[in-house]
Structure formats: C-alpha cells, structure tokens
N, C-alpha and C. Protein backbone atom coordinates (compact mmCIF):
# COMPACT_ATOMS: atom_id res chain seq x y z
N MET A 1 11.51 -3.03 9.18
CA MET A 1 10.13 -3.04 8.74
C MET A 1 10.08 -3.00 7.22
N THR A 2 9.33 -3.92 6.64
CA THR A 2 9.18 -3.96 5.19
C THR A 2 7.89 -3.25 4.80
N ILE A 3 8.02 -2.36 3.84
CA ILE A 3 6.83 -1.68 3.32
C ILE A 3 6.38 -2.43 2.09
N THR A 4 5.13 -2.81 2.06
CA THR A 4 4.62 -3.54 0.91
C THR A 4 3.50 -2.76 0.25
N ILE A 5 3.45 -2.83 -1.08
CA ILE A 5 2.38 -2.14 -1.79
C ILE A 5 1.29 -3.09 -2.21
N ARG A 6 1.48 -4.37 -1.95
CA ARG A 6 0.49 -5.31 -2.42
C ARG A 6 -0.73 -5.31 -1.50
N ASP A 7 -1.88 -5.36 -2.09
CA ASP A 7 -3.12 -5.39 -1.32
C ASP A 7 -3.86 -6.70 -1.52
N ARG A 8 -3.28 -7.61 -2.26
CA ARG A 8 -3.83 -8.95 -2.44
C ARG A 8 -2.68 -9.89 -2.73
N LYS A 9 -2.96 -11.17 -2.68
CA LYS A 9 -1.90 -12.15 -2.85
C LYS A 9 -1.22 -11.99 -4.21
N ALA A 10 0.08 -11.85 -4.18
CA ALA A 10 0.85 -11.76 -5.42
C ALA A 10 1.13 -13.17 -5.93
N PRO A 11 1.35 -13.31 -7.23
CA PRO A 11 1.69 -14.63 -7.76
C PRO A 11 3.05 -15.09 -7.26
N GLU A 12 3.28 -16.38 -7.38
CA GLU A 12 4.55 -16.98 -6.99
C GLU A 12 5.27 -17.48 -8.23
N PRO A 13 6.59 -17.62 -8.16
CA PRO A 13 7.32 -18.18 -9.30
C PRO A 13 6.74 -19.55 -9.66
N GLY A 14 6.50 -19.74 -10.94
CA GLY A 14 5.92 -20.99 -11.41
C GLY A 14 4.43 -20.93 -11.63
N ASP A 15 3.77 -19.89 -11.11
CA ASP A 15 2.34 -19.74 -11.38
C ASP A 15 2.14 -19.46 -12.86
N VAL A 16 1.13 -20.08 -13.44
CA VAL A 16 0.81 -19.91 -14.86
C VAL A 16 -0.55 -19.24 -14.95
N PHE A 17 -0.62 -18.19 -15.75
CA PHE A 17 -1.85 -17.42 -15.95
C PHE A 17 -2.13 -17.27 -17.43
N TRP A 18 -3.40 -17.13 -17.78
CA TRP A 18 -3.74 -16.57 -19.07
C TRP A 18 -3.46 -15.09 -18.96
N ALA A 19 -2.82 -14.51 -19.96
CA ALA A 19 -2.49 -13.09 -19.93
C ALA A 19 -2.78 -12.47 -21.29
N ASP A 20 -3.08 -11.20 -21.26
CA ASP A 20 -3.28 -10.43 -22.49
C ASP A 20 -1.99 -9.66 -22.75
N LEU A 21 -1.26 -10.04 -23.79
CA LEU A 21 0.04 -9.42 -24.07
C LEU A 21 -0.04 -8.31 -25.12
N ASP A 22 -1.22 -8.03 -25.62
CA ASP A 22 -1.36 -6.95 -26.60
C ASP A 22 -1.47 -5.60 -25.90
N PRO A 23 -1.04 -4.51 -26.48
CA PRO A 23 -0.38 -4.41 -27.78
C PRO A 23 1.10 -4.76 -27.69
N VAL A 24 1.64 -5.16 -28.81
CA VAL A 24 3.06 -5.50 -28.91
C VAL A 24 3.65 -4.81 -30.13
N ARG A 25 4.95 -4.97 -30.28
CA ARG A 25 5.65 -4.43 -31.45
C ARG A 25 6.58 -5.49 -32.00
N GLY A 26 6.80 -5.45 -33.30
CA GLY A 26 7.77 -6.33 -33.94
C GLY A 26 7.49 -7.80 -33.69
N THR A 27 8.52 -8.52 -33.25
CA THR A 27 8.42 -9.97 -33.10
C THR A 27 8.03 -10.41 -31.69
N GLU A 28 7.54 -9.49 -30.86
CA GLU A 28 7.10 -9.87 -29.52
C GLU A 28 5.89 -10.80 -29.60
N GLN A 29 5.79 -11.70 -28.63
CA GLN A 29 4.63 -12.60 -28.56
C GLN A 29 3.39 -11.78 -28.26
N ALA A 30 2.34 -12.04 -29.00
CA ALA A 30 1.12 -11.25 -28.90
C ALA A 30 -0.05 -12.10 -28.44
N GLY A 31 -1.13 -11.42 -28.12
CA GLY A 31 -2.40 -12.07 -27.88
C GLY A 31 -2.60 -12.57 -26.46
N ARG A 32 -3.67 -13.34 -26.35
CA ARG A 32 -4.03 -13.96 -25.07
C ARG A 32 -3.38 -15.33 -25.05
N ARG A 33 -2.50 -15.55 -24.09
CA ARG A 33 -1.75 -16.80 -24.03
C ARG A 33 -1.29 -17.05 -22.61
N PRO A 34 -0.89 -18.30 -22.32
CA PRO A 34 -0.34 -18.58 -21.00
C PRO A 34 1.02 -17.91 -20.81
N VAL A 35 1.26 -17.46 -19.58
CA VAL A 35 2.56 -16.93 -19.19
C VAL A 35 2.95 -17.58 -17.87
N VAL A 36 4.26 -17.70 -17.66
CA VAL A 36 4.79 -18.24 -16.41
C VAL A 36 5.43 -17.10 -15.63
N VAL A 37 5.06 -16.95 -14.38
CA VAL A 37 5.65 -15.93 -13.51
C VAL A 37 7.01 -16.43 -13.05
N LEU A 38 8.04 -15.59 -13.21
CA LEU A 38 9.39 -15.94 -12.76
C LEU A 38 9.83 -15.09 -11.57
N SER A 39 9.23 -13.92 -11.38
CA SER A 39 9.63 -13.06 -10.27
C SER A 39 9.00 -13.54 -8.97
N ASP A 40 9.61 -13.09 -7.87
CA ASP A 40 9.13 -13.52 -6.56
C ASP A 40 8.82 -12.30 -5.68
N ASP A 41 8.65 -12.54 -4.39
CA ASP A 41 8.26 -11.47 -3.47
C ASP A 41 9.24 -10.31 -3.39
N ARG A 42 10.51 -10.57 -3.75
CA ARG A 42 11.47 -9.46 -3.73
C ARG A 42 11.02 -8.35 -4.67
N LEU A 43 10.40 -8.70 -5.78
CA LEU A 43 9.84 -7.70 -6.69
C LEU A 43 8.41 -7.38 -6.31
N HIS A 44 7.61 -8.39 -6.04
CA HIS A 44 6.18 -8.19 -5.81
C HIS A 44 5.89 -7.33 -4.58
N ASP A 45 6.80 -7.30 -3.61
CA ASP A 45 6.61 -6.46 -2.43
C ASP A 45 6.79 -4.98 -2.72
N VAL A 46 7.49 -4.66 -3.82
CA VAL A 46 7.78 -3.25 -4.11
C VAL A 46 7.21 -2.78 -5.44
N SER A 47 6.52 -3.66 -6.16
CA SER A 47 6.02 -3.32 -7.49
C SER A 47 4.72 -4.04 -7.78
N LEU A 48 3.90 -3.44 -8.60
CA LEU A 48 2.67 -4.08 -9.06
C LEU A 48 2.90 -4.87 -10.35
N ARG A 49 4.17 -4.99 -10.75
CA ARG A 49 4.50 -5.74 -11.95
C ARG A 49 5.12 -7.08 -11.59
N SER A 50 5.06 -8.00 -12.56
CA SER A 50 5.71 -9.30 -12.43
C SER A 50 6.52 -9.57 -13.69
N LEU A 51 7.60 -10.31 -13.52
CA LEU A 51 8.40 -10.76 -14.65
C LEU A 51 7.81 -12.09 -15.11
N VAL A 52 7.40 -12.14 -16.37
CA VAL A 52 6.78 -13.34 -16.92
C VAL A 52 7.44 -13.71 -18.24
N CYS A 53 7.26 -14.97 -18.62
CA CYS A 53 7.66 -15.44 -19.94
C CYS A 53 6.44 -16.12 -20.56
N PRO A 54 6.15 -15.83 -21.83
CA PRO A 54 5.05 -16.50 -22.51
C PRO A 54 5.35 -17.97 -22.73
N VAL A 55 4.28 -18.74 -22.88
CA VAL A 55 4.38 -20.15 -23.22
C VAL A 55 3.89 -20.32 -24.65
N ALA A 56 4.68 -21.01 -25.47
CA ALA A 56 4.29 -21.31 -26.85
C ALA A 56 3.97 -22.80 -26.95
N SER A 57 3.07 -23.14 -27.83
CA SER A 57 2.71 -24.56 -28.01
C SER A 57 3.79 -25.31 -28.78
N ASN A 58 4.61 -24.61 -29.52
CA ASN A 58 5.68 -25.21 -30.32
C ASN A 58 6.78 -25.74 -29.39
N ARG A 59 7.00 -27.05 -29.43
CA ARG A 59 8.00 -27.69 -28.57
C ARG A 59 9.31 -27.96 -29.30
N GLN A 60 9.49 -27.40 -30.49
CA GLN A 60 10.74 -27.60 -31.22
C GLN A 60 11.89 -27.03 -30.39
N ALA A 61 12.93 -27.83 -30.20
CA ALA A 61 14.07 -27.40 -29.39
C ALA A 61 14.69 -26.13 -29.96
N TRP A 62 15.07 -25.23 -29.06
CA TRP A 62 15.70 -23.96 -29.43
C TRP A 62 16.42 -23.45 -28.20
N PRO A 63 17.57 -22.78 -28.36
CA PRO A 63 18.35 -22.34 -27.19
C PRO A 63 17.61 -21.42 -26.24
N THR A 64 16.59 -20.71 -26.71
CA THR A 64 15.88 -19.77 -25.85
C THR A 64 14.56 -20.33 -25.32
N LYS A 65 14.37 -21.65 -25.44
CA LYS A 65 13.15 -22.29 -24.94
C LYS A 65 13.47 -23.24 -23.81
N VAL A 66 12.56 -23.32 -22.86
CA VAL A 66 12.60 -24.34 -21.82
C VAL A 66 11.36 -25.20 -22.03
N LEU A 67 11.57 -26.47 -22.37
CA LEU A 67 10.45 -27.36 -22.64
C LEU A 67 9.72 -27.71 -21.35
N ILE A 68 8.41 -27.73 -21.45
CA ILE A 68 7.56 -28.06 -20.31
C ILE A 68 7.19 -29.53 -20.41
N PRO A 69 7.39 -30.30 -19.32
CA PRO A 69 7.04 -31.72 -19.36
C PRO A 69 5.56 -31.94 -19.70
N ASP A 70 5.27 -33.10 -20.27
CA ASP A 70 3.91 -33.40 -20.74
C ASP A 70 2.84 -33.39 -19.66
N ASP A 71 3.17 -33.71 -18.43
CA ASP A 71 2.16 -33.86 -17.40
C ASP A 71 1.89 -32.58 -16.61
N CYS A 72 2.17 -31.43 -17.20
CA CYS A 72 1.98 -30.14 -16.50
C CYS A 72 0.66 -29.47 -16.89
N VAL A 73 0.36 -28.35 -16.22
CA VAL A 73 -0.91 -27.64 -16.43
C VAL A 73 -1.01 -27.01 -17.81
N VAL A 74 0.12 -26.76 -18.46
CA VAL A 74 0.17 -26.28 -19.84
C VAL A 74 1.21 -27.11 -20.58
N SER A 75 1.09 -27.14 -21.88
CA SER A 75 2.08 -27.86 -22.67
C SER A 75 2.79 -26.88 -23.59
N GLY A 76 3.97 -27.26 -24.01
CA GLY A 76 4.73 -26.40 -24.92
C GLY A 76 6.09 -26.06 -24.35
N ALA A 77 6.48 -24.79 -24.52
CA ALA A 77 7.79 -24.33 -24.10
C ALA A 77 7.71 -22.90 -23.57
N ILE A 78 8.52 -22.63 -22.57
CA ILE A 78 8.65 -21.28 -22.02
C ILE A 78 9.61 -20.52 -22.91
N LEU A 79 9.19 -19.35 -23.38
CA LEU A 79 10.01 -18.53 -24.28
C LEU A 79 10.84 -17.54 -23.46
N ILE A 80 12.04 -17.95 -23.11
CA ILE A 80 12.91 -17.14 -22.26
C ILE A 80 13.26 -15.81 -22.92
N ASP A 81 13.44 -15.80 -24.23
CA ASP A 81 13.82 -14.57 -24.93
C ASP A 81 12.66 -13.60 -25.07
N GLN A 82 11.49 -13.95 -24.57
CA GLN A 82 10.32 -13.07 -24.61
C GLN A 82 9.93 -12.58 -23.21
N ALA A 83 10.85 -12.69 -22.25
CA ALA A 83 10.58 -12.24 -20.88
C ALA A 83 10.18 -10.77 -20.90
N ARG A 84 9.22 -10.45 -20.05
CA ARG A 84 8.80 -9.04 -19.94
C ARG A 84 8.15 -8.77 -18.60
N MET A 85 8.20 -7.51 -18.22
CA MET A 85 7.50 -7.06 -17.02
C MET A 85 6.09 -6.67 -17.43
N ILE A 86 5.11 -7.17 -16.67
CA ILE A 86 3.73 -6.80 -16.97
C ILE A 86 3.03 -6.34 -15.69
N ASP A 87 2.06 -5.49 -15.86
CA ASP A 87 1.22 -5.04 -14.76
C ASP A 87 0.27 -6.18 -14.41
N ARG A 88 0.35 -6.66 -13.19
CA ARG A 88 -0.46 -7.83 -12.80
C ARG A 88 -1.95 -7.55 -12.90
N ASP A 89 -2.39 -6.37 -12.49
CA ASP A 89 -3.82 -6.05 -12.51
C ASP A 89 -4.37 -5.89 -13.92
N GLU A 90 -3.54 -5.44 -14.84
CA GLU A 90 -4.01 -5.17 -16.19
C GLU A 90 -3.88 -6.34 -17.15
N ARG A 91 -2.89 -7.20 -16.93
CA ARG A 91 -2.60 -8.22 -17.93
C ARG A 91 -2.84 -9.67 -17.49
N LEU A 92 -2.72 -9.97 -16.19
CA LEU A 92 -2.96 -11.34 -15.74
C LEU A 92 -4.47 -11.55 -15.64
N LEU A 93 -4.98 -12.51 -16.40
CA LEU A 93 -6.43 -12.67 -16.52
C LEU A 93 -6.99 -13.81 -15.67
N LEU A 94 -6.38 -14.98 -15.76
CA LEU A 94 -6.97 -16.14 -15.11
C LEU A 94 -5.87 -17.11 -14.72
N PHE A 95 -5.87 -17.53 -13.45
CA PHE A 95 -4.90 -18.50 -12.96
C PHE A 95 -5.18 -19.86 -13.57
N ILE A 96 -4.13 -20.51 -14.10
CA ILE A 96 -4.25 -21.84 -14.71
C ILE A 96 -3.76 -22.91 -13.75
N GLY A 97 -2.61 -22.68 -13.12
CA GLY A 97 -2.01 -23.66 -12.22
C GLY A 97 -0.56 -23.33 -12.01
N ARG A 98 0.21 -24.35 -11.59
CA ARG A 98 1.64 -24.13 -11.31
C ARG A 98 2.49 -25.13 -12.07
N LEU A 99 3.68 -24.67 -12.45
CA LEU A 99 4.69 -25.56 -13.03
C LEU A 99 5.58 -26.08 -11.90
N PRO A 100 6.17 -27.25 -12.09
CA PRO A 100 7.07 -27.79 -11.06
C PRO A 100 8.27 -26.86 -10.82
N ASP A 101 8.73 -26.84 -9.58
CA ASP A 101 9.87 -26.00 -9.21
C ASP A 101 11.09 -26.27 -10.09
N GLU A 102 11.28 -27.52 -10.50
CA GLU A 102 12.45 -27.86 -11.32
C GLU A 102 12.40 -27.14 -12.66
N VAL A 103 11.22 -27.03 -13.25
CA VAL A 103 11.06 -26.34 -14.54
C VAL A 103 11.31 -24.85 -14.36
N VAL A 104 10.77 -24.29 -13.29
CA VAL A 104 10.95 -22.86 -13.01
C VAL A 104 12.43 -22.56 -12.78
N SER A 105 13.11 -23.42 -12.05
CA SER A 105 14.55 -23.21 -11.80
C SER A 105 15.35 -23.20 -13.09
N VAL A 106 15.03 -24.10 -14.01
CA VAL A 106 15.72 -24.13 -15.30
C VAL A 106 15.44 -22.84 -16.07
N ALA A 107 14.19 -22.37 -16.04
CA ALA A 107 13.83 -21.13 -16.75
C ALA A 107 14.56 -19.92 -16.16
N VAL A 108 14.59 -19.82 -14.84
CA VAL A 108 15.29 -18.70 -14.19
C VAL A 108 16.78 -18.75 -14.48
N GLU A 109 17.35 -19.95 -14.44
CA GLU A 109 18.78 -20.09 -14.73
C GLU A 109 19.08 -19.72 -16.18
N ALA A 110 18.21 -20.12 -17.11
CA ALA A 110 18.41 -19.78 -18.52
C ALA A 110 18.33 -18.27 -18.72
N LEU A 111 17.35 -17.63 -18.10
CA LEU A 111 17.21 -16.18 -18.21
C LEU A 111 18.43 -15.49 -17.63
N THR A 112 18.89 -15.95 -16.49
CA THR A 112 20.09 -15.38 -15.86
C THR A 112 21.30 -15.52 -16.78
N MET A 113 21.42 -16.69 -17.42
CA MET A 113 22.54 -16.90 -18.34
C MET A 113 22.48 -15.91 -19.50
N PHE A 114 21.28 -15.68 -20.05
CA PHE A 114 21.16 -14.76 -21.18
C PHE A 114 21.41 -13.31 -20.77
N LEU A 115 21.29 -13.04 -19.48
CA LEU A 115 21.60 -11.70 -18.98
C LEU A 115 23.10 -11.52 -18.76
N GLY A 116 23.84 -12.63 -18.88
CA GLY A 116 25.29 -12.56 -18.71
C GLY A 116 25.69 -12.41 -17.26
N ARG A 117 24.85 -12.85 -16.35
CA ARG A 117 25.12 -12.72 -14.93
C ARG A 117 25.38 -14.08 -14.30
N PRO A 118 26.26 -14.15 -13.32
CA PRO A 118 26.43 -15.42 -12.61
C PRO A 118 25.18 -15.73 -11.80
N ARG A 119 24.95 -17.00 -11.58
CA ARG A 119 23.80 -17.42 -10.81
C ARG A 119 23.90 -16.88 -9.38
N ASP A 120 22.80 -16.37 -8.86
CA ASP A 120 22.73 -15.81 -7.51
C ASP A 120 22.85 -16.95 -6.49
N GLU A 121 23.88 -16.90 -5.68
CA GLU A 121 24.07 -17.95 -4.67
C GLU A 121 23.21 -17.71 -3.44
N ASN A 122 22.64 -16.52 -3.30
CA ASN A 122 21.78 -16.20 -2.16
C ASN A 122 20.46 -15.66 -2.69
N PRO A 123 19.56 -16.53 -3.19
CA PRO A 123 18.36 -16.07 -3.88
C PRO A 123 17.38 -15.29 -3.01
N ARG A 124 17.43 -15.39 -1.68
CA ARG A 124 16.49 -14.67 -0.82
C ARG A 124 17.04 -13.32 -0.40
N GLN A 125 18.19 -12.95 -0.92
CA GLN A 125 18.75 -11.63 -0.60
C GLN A 125 17.78 -10.56 -1.07
N SER A 126 17.58 -9.54 -0.25
CA SER A 126 16.63 -8.50 -0.63
C SER A 126 17.33 -7.42 -1.45
N PHE A 127 16.51 -6.62 -2.12
CA PHE A 127 17.03 -5.51 -2.90
C PHE A 127 17.69 -4.51 -1.98
N PRO A 128 18.73 -3.82 -2.47
CA PRO A 128 19.30 -2.74 -1.65
C PRO A 128 18.25 -1.66 -1.44
N ARG A 129 18.25 -1.08 -0.29
CA ARG A 129 17.26 -0.03 0.03
C ARG A 129 17.90 1.33 -0.05
C-alpha cells in the first residue's frame, strides 16, 4: 500500500509553470519566471515539493544549459545549475504547458551527470522505505 500526501494532481516531468523564486541569495535565479518540473511521482507522492529548473531567455550555449527548441511553449534554455526544490503550493503560480519528453530527458541526464551519478537504469524504482 502506498501512502500519498497529495490531495490534488501533482505536476509531471516536463510541465512548465510560472513560478515565484524570490527570495534568493547570491547568484540564484530570482523573480517570477518559467520553471520546468524534473521530479516525478516518486517524489510527489511523499513530498509537497518538486525539483525544478528555471528557464532563461538567453540561448547562448553553456555547459549547464539545455537549449529548448523553438517550437515549444517557452523559449530559451533550462538552467541545470539552478535546480532547486520548491514548495508547489507556495511557488508554482500558473501552468504554461509541457516540454517534449526528449528535452526533459536531456535535462535530467545533464543534472544526473553534474551530480556525479551514473544514469538510473530503472527509473521507476521506488524510494527505499
């Protein structure tokens, strides 16, 4: 039996929302901006937070950016080095749309690489209880 704390539909990986990222410190991305949800039900079933990355309009190539194709719901680049956990009820403001699965996969793989971890060969594996 799975115990879930969610009382409404949680976002899915690739969902893009307007989010309020303030307050911040130092060089963290600030303000109201689009974010891409990277976490899935494995987290959302046990937490009210989601792992997101902000989207910047600057498309200049950089090792910590994943460029978003032109025909998507937002334009620019996903800032992998700005990943953060946010409270969904407090910070996610308005659903914008979804990014293609291929873009989300590249973002998750890039984040995993920066964590120094091998890619998960069994992505639906649940958290240890």
